[in-house]
Amino acid sequence: MKTILVDAMQSFVIEGEGIYQPLHELLESYPNRKIVLTMAPKHKMEEWGLNDLPYEVFSSELDPKKREPIYYESVLKHFNLNAHDVVCFEHDPEAVAGAKSIGIATHHYDSENRDVASLKKFLETNL
């Protein structure tokens, strides 16, 4: 069963609001493991609402950045996964490119419109 790599800020967690419930409900409809990906430094985790999430959290603390393929390589190594074991969604097109460059099936999540419907289609196709 594939693991879902979940974009943290502006997707799963909305700054000043907390967890985006429609997205959380969608993710909960899948039995798959979920890992929230962020670059947040440790001292910002609580402020940004990332310290008490319902899923595991991985942070690079800004080094490397999600736009770099090595970020995703680090995630896979940390959790003993390979690119075919995961699917990913991300709001930043450059981060999408970084994940795709190492073979991860990745969806560009429209965080402005909070397009959960297109993410659902991606997950149904790729899980």
C-alpha atoms as a PDB file:
ATOM      1  CA  MET A   1       0.000   0.000   0.000  1.00  0.00           C
ATOM      2  CA  LYS A   2       1.440   3.364  -1.011  1.00  0.00           C
ATOM      3  CA  THR A   3       2.225   6.136   1.443  1.00  0.00           C
ATOM      4  CA  ILE A   4       0.706   9.575   0.824  1.00  0.00           C
ATOM      5  CA  LEU A   5       3.182  12.448   1.154  1.00  0.00           C
ATOM      6  CA  VAL A   6       1.101  15.413   2.299  1.00  0.00           C
ATOM      7  CA  ASP A   7       2.078  19.032   1.647  1.00  0.00           C
ATOM      8  CA  ALA A   8       1.942  20.868   4.967  1.00  0.00           C
ATOM      9  CA  MET A   9       1.601  24.644   4.680  1.00  0.00           C
ATOM     10  CA  GLN A  10      -1.068  26.175   2.452  1.00  0.00           C
ATOM     11  CA  SER A  11      -2.469  22.699   1.764  1.00  0.00           C
ATOM     12  CA  PHE A  12      -3.077  20.500   4.828  1.00  0.00           C
ATOM     13  CA  VAL A  13      -2.464  23.326   7.290  1.00  0.00           C
ATOM     14  CA  ILE A  14      -3.764  26.827   6.580  1.00  0.00           C
ATOM     15  CA  GLU A  15      -1.817  29.466   8.482  1.00  0.00           C
ATOM     16  CA  GLY A  16      -4.015  31.065  11.133  1.00  0.00           C
ATOM     17  CA  GLU A  17      -6.797  28.495  10.582  1.00  0.00           C
ATOM     18  CA  GLY A  18      -5.278  25.095  11.285  1.00  0.00           C
ATOM     19  CA  ILE A  19      -5.960  21.830   9.499  1.00  0.00           C
ATOM     20  CA  TYR A  20      -8.074  22.234   6.361  1.00  0.00           C
ATOM     21  CA  GLN A  21     -10.915  19.898   7.268  1.00  0.00           C
ATOM     22  CA  PRO A  22     -12.150  18.935   3.765  1.00  0.00           C
ATOM     23  CA  LEU A  23      -8.619  17.810   2.903  1.00  0.00           C
ATOM     24  CA  HIS A  24      -8.268  15.974   6.213  1.00  0.00           C
ATOM     25  CA  GLU A  25     -11.572  14.184   5.587  1.00  0.00           C
ATOM     26  CA  LEU A  26     -10.391  13.137   2.120  1.00  0.00           C
ATOM     27  CA  LEU A  27      -7.108  11.781   3.497  1.00  0.00           C
ATOM     28  CA  GLU A  28      -8.916   9.929   6.266  1.00  0.00           C
ATOM     29  CA  SER A  29     -10.986   8.111   3.642  1.00  0.00           C
ATOM     30  CA  TYR A  30      -7.818   6.209   2.646  1.00  0.00           C
ATOM     31  CA  PRO A  31      -6.238   3.597   4.945  1.00  0.00           C
ATOM     32  CA  ASN A  32      -2.774   4.481   3.615  1.00  0.00           C
ATOM     33  CA  ARG A  33       0.022   5.829   5.774  1.00  0.00           C
ATOM     34  CA  LYS A  34       0.336   9.612   5.565  1.00  0.00           C
ATOM     35  CA  ILE A  35       3.456  11.690   6.136  1.00  0.00           C
ATOM     36  CA  VAL A  36       3.238  15.484   6.265  1.00  0.00           C
ATOM     37  CA  LEU A  37       6.145  17.226   4.543  1.00  0.00           C
ATOM     38  CA  THR A  38       7.424  20.619   5.610  1.00  0.00           C
ATOM     39  CA  MET A  39      10.571  22.686   5.692  1.00  0.00           C
ATOM     40  CA  ALA A  40       9.594  24.369   8.968  1.00  0.00           C
ATOM     41  CA  PRO A  41      12.362  24.993  11.478  1.00  0.00           C
ATOM     42  CA  LYS A  42      11.793  23.440  14.908  1.00  0.00           C
ATOM     43  CA  HIS A  43      11.130  26.814  16.545  1.00  0.00           C
ATOM     44  CA  LYS A  44       8.226  27.472  14.119  1.00  0.00           C
ATOM     45  CA  MET A  45       6.485  24.092  14.390  1.00  0.00           C
ATOM     46  CA  GLU A  46       4.122  25.121  17.202  1.00  0.00           C
ATOM     47  CA  GLU A  47       3.490  28.621  15.846  1.00  0.00           C
ATOM     48  CA  TRP A  48       2.491  27.194  12.461  1.00  0.00           C
ATOM     49  CA  GLY A  49       0.354  24.411  13.943  1.00  0.00           C
ATOM     50  CA  LEU A  50       2.637  21.584  12.833  1.00  0.00           C
ATOM     51  CA  ASN A  51       3.474  20.108  16.230  1.00  0.00           C
ATOM     52  CA  ASP A  52       0.147  18.371  16.810  1.00  0.00           C
ATOM     53  CA  LEU A  53      -0.876  16.854  13.487  1.00  0.00           C
ATOM     54  CA  PRO A  54      -2.658  13.499  13.128  1.00  0.00           C
ATOM     55  CA  TYR A  55       0.126  12.143  10.884  1.00  0.00           C
ATOM     56  CA  GLU A  56       3.886  11.736  11.013  1.00  0.00           C
ATOM     57  CA  VAL A  57       5.797  14.900  10.108  1.00  0.00           C
ATOM     58  CA  PHE A  58       9.083  15.260   8.234  1.00  0.00           C
ATOM     59  CA  SER A  59      10.913  18.600   8.204  1.00  0.00           C
ATOM     60  CA  SER A  60      14.170  19.523   6.557  1.00  0.00           C
ATOM     61  CA  GLU A  61      14.259  22.791   8.520  1.00  0.00           C
ATOM     62  CA  LEU A  62      14.843  24.679   5.234  1.00  0.00           C
ATOM     63  CA  ASP A  63      17.879  22.655   4.175  1.00  0.00           C
ATOM     64  CA  PRO A  64      17.293  21.261   1.654  1.00  0.00           C
ATOM     65  CA  LYS A  65      14.257  23.026   0.263  1.00  0.00           C
ATOM     66  CA  LYS A  66      11.332  21.091  -1.202  1.00  0.00           C
ATOM     67  CA  ARG A  67      12.186  22.389  -4.654  1.00  0.00           C
ATOM     68  CA  GLU A  68      15.351  20.299  -4.592  1.00  0.00           C
ATOM     69  CA  PRO A  69      15.162  16.597  -5.511  1.00  0.00           C
ATOM     70  CA  ILE A  70      17.438  15.812  -2.544  1.00  0.00           C
ATOM     71  CA  TYR A  71      14.599  16.858  -0.210  1.00  0.00           C
ATOM     72  CA  TYR A  72      12.453  13.980  -1.489  1.00  0.00           C
ATOM     73  CA  GLU A  73      15.413  11.613  -1.528  1.00  0.00           C
ATOM     74  CA  SER A  74      15.905  12.474   2.160  1.00  0.00           C
ATOM     75  CA  VAL A  75      12.242  11.724   2.910  1.00  0.00           C
ATOM     76  CA  LEU A  76      12.441   8.361   1.179  1.00  0.00           C
ATOM     77  CA  LYS A  77      15.694   7.442   2.938  1.00  0.00           C
ATOM     78  CA  HIS A  78      14.404   8.563   6.348  1.00  0.00           C
ATOM     79  CA  PHE A  79      11.297   6.373   6.064  1.00  0.00           C
ATOM     80  CA  ASN A  80      12.988   3.519   4.176  1.00  0.00           C
ATOM     81  CA  LEU A  81      10.742   3.989   1.123  1.00  0.00           C
ATOM     82  CA  ASN A  82      11.353   4.193  -2.601  1.00  0.00           C
ATOM     83  CA  ALA A  83       9.723   6.433  -5.196  1.00  0.00           C
ATOM     84  CA  HIS A  84       7.262   3.729  -6.232  1.00  0.00           C
ATOM     85  CA  ASP A  85       6.094   3.321  -2.614  1.00  0.00           C
ATOM     86  CA  VAL A  86       4.648   6.849  -2.423  1.00  0.00           C
ATOM     87  CA  VAL A  87       2.421   9.448  -4.020  1.00  0.00           C
ATOM     88  CA  CYS A  88       2.758  13.119  -3.258  1.00  0.00           C
ATOM     89  CA  PHE A  89       0.800  16.338  -3.546  1.00  0.00           C
ATOM     90  CA  GLU A  90       2.302  19.791  -3.299  1.00  0.00           C
ATOM     91  CA  HIS A  91       1.101  23.358  -3.892  1.00  0.00           C
ATOM     92  CA  ASP A  92       4.427  24.700  -5.208  1.00  0.00           C
ATOM     93  CA  PRO A  93       5.013  23.848  -8.904  1.00  0.00           C
ATOM     94  CA  GLU A  94       8.783  23.818  -8.377  1.00  0.00           C
ATOM     95  CA  ALA A  95       8.430  21.327  -5.523  1.00  0.00           C
ATOM     96  CA  VAL A  96       6.196  19.195  -7.768  1.00  0.00           C
ATOM     97  CA  ALA A  97       9.012  19.180 -10.323  1.00  0.00           C
ATOM     98  CA  GLY A  98      11.537  18.205  -7.622  1.00  0.00           C
ATOM     99  CA  ALA A  99       9.469  15.206  -6.532  1.00  0.00           C
ATOM    100  CA  LYS A 100       8.686  14.134 -10.094  1.00  0.00           C
ATOM    101  CA  SER A 101      12.363  14.334 -11.037  1.00  0.00           C
ATOM    102  CA  ILE A 102      13.108  11.342  -8.803  1.00  0.00           C
ATOM    103  CA  GLY A 103      10.128   9.328 -10.013  1.00  0.00           C
ATOM    104  CA  ILE A 104       7.463  10.145  -7.426  1.00  0.00           C
ATOM    105  CA  ALA A 105       3.900  10.338  -8.782  1.00  0.00           C
ATOM    106  CA  THR A 106       3.081  13.911  -7.785  1.00  0.00           C
ATOM    107  CA  HIS A 107       0.013  16.129  -8.067  1.00  0.00           C
ATOM    108  CA  HIS A 108       0.027  19.921  -8.182  1.00  0.00           C
ATOM    109  CA  TYR A 109      -2.569  20.858  -5.564  1.00  0.00           C
ATOM    110  CA  ASP A 110      -4.282  24.190  -6.247  1.00  0.00           C
ATOM    111  CA  SER A 111      -4.111  25.640  -2.745  1.00  0.00           C
ATOM    112  CA  GLU A 112      -5.719  28.948  -3.717  1.00  0.00           C
ATOM    113  CA  ASN A 113      -8.914  27.203  -4.798  1.00  0.00           C
ATOM    114  CA  ARG A 114      -8.409  24.331  -2.346  1.00  0.00           C
ATOM    115  CA  ASP A 115      -9.169  21.884  -5.136  1.00  0.00           C
ATOM    116  CA  VAL A 116      -9.771  18.720  -3.139  1.00  0.00           C
ATOM    117  CA  ALA A 117     -11.797  17.179  -6.001  1.00  0.00           C
ATOM    118  CA  SER A 118      -8.849  17.028  -8.414  1.00  0.00           C
ATOM    119  CA  LEU A 119      -6.618  15.688  -5.644  1.00  0.00           C
ATOM    120  CA  LYS A 120      -9.175  12.936  -5.010  1.00  0.00           C
ATOM    121  CA  LYS A 121      -9.048  11.952  -8.690  1.00  0.00           C
ATOM    122  CA  PHE A 122      -5.230  11.848  -8.554  1.00  0.00           C
ATOM    123  CA  LEU A 123      -5.268   9.670  -5.434  1.00  0.00           C
ATOM    124  CA  GLU A 124      -7.867   7.304  -6.848  1.00  0.00           C
ATOM    125  CA  THR A 125      -5.758   6.871  -9.984  1.00  0.00           C
ATOM    126  CA  ASN A 126      -2.362   6.540  -8.306  1.00  0.00           C
ATOM    127  CA  LEU A 127      -2.885   4.675  -5.041  1.00  0.00           C
END
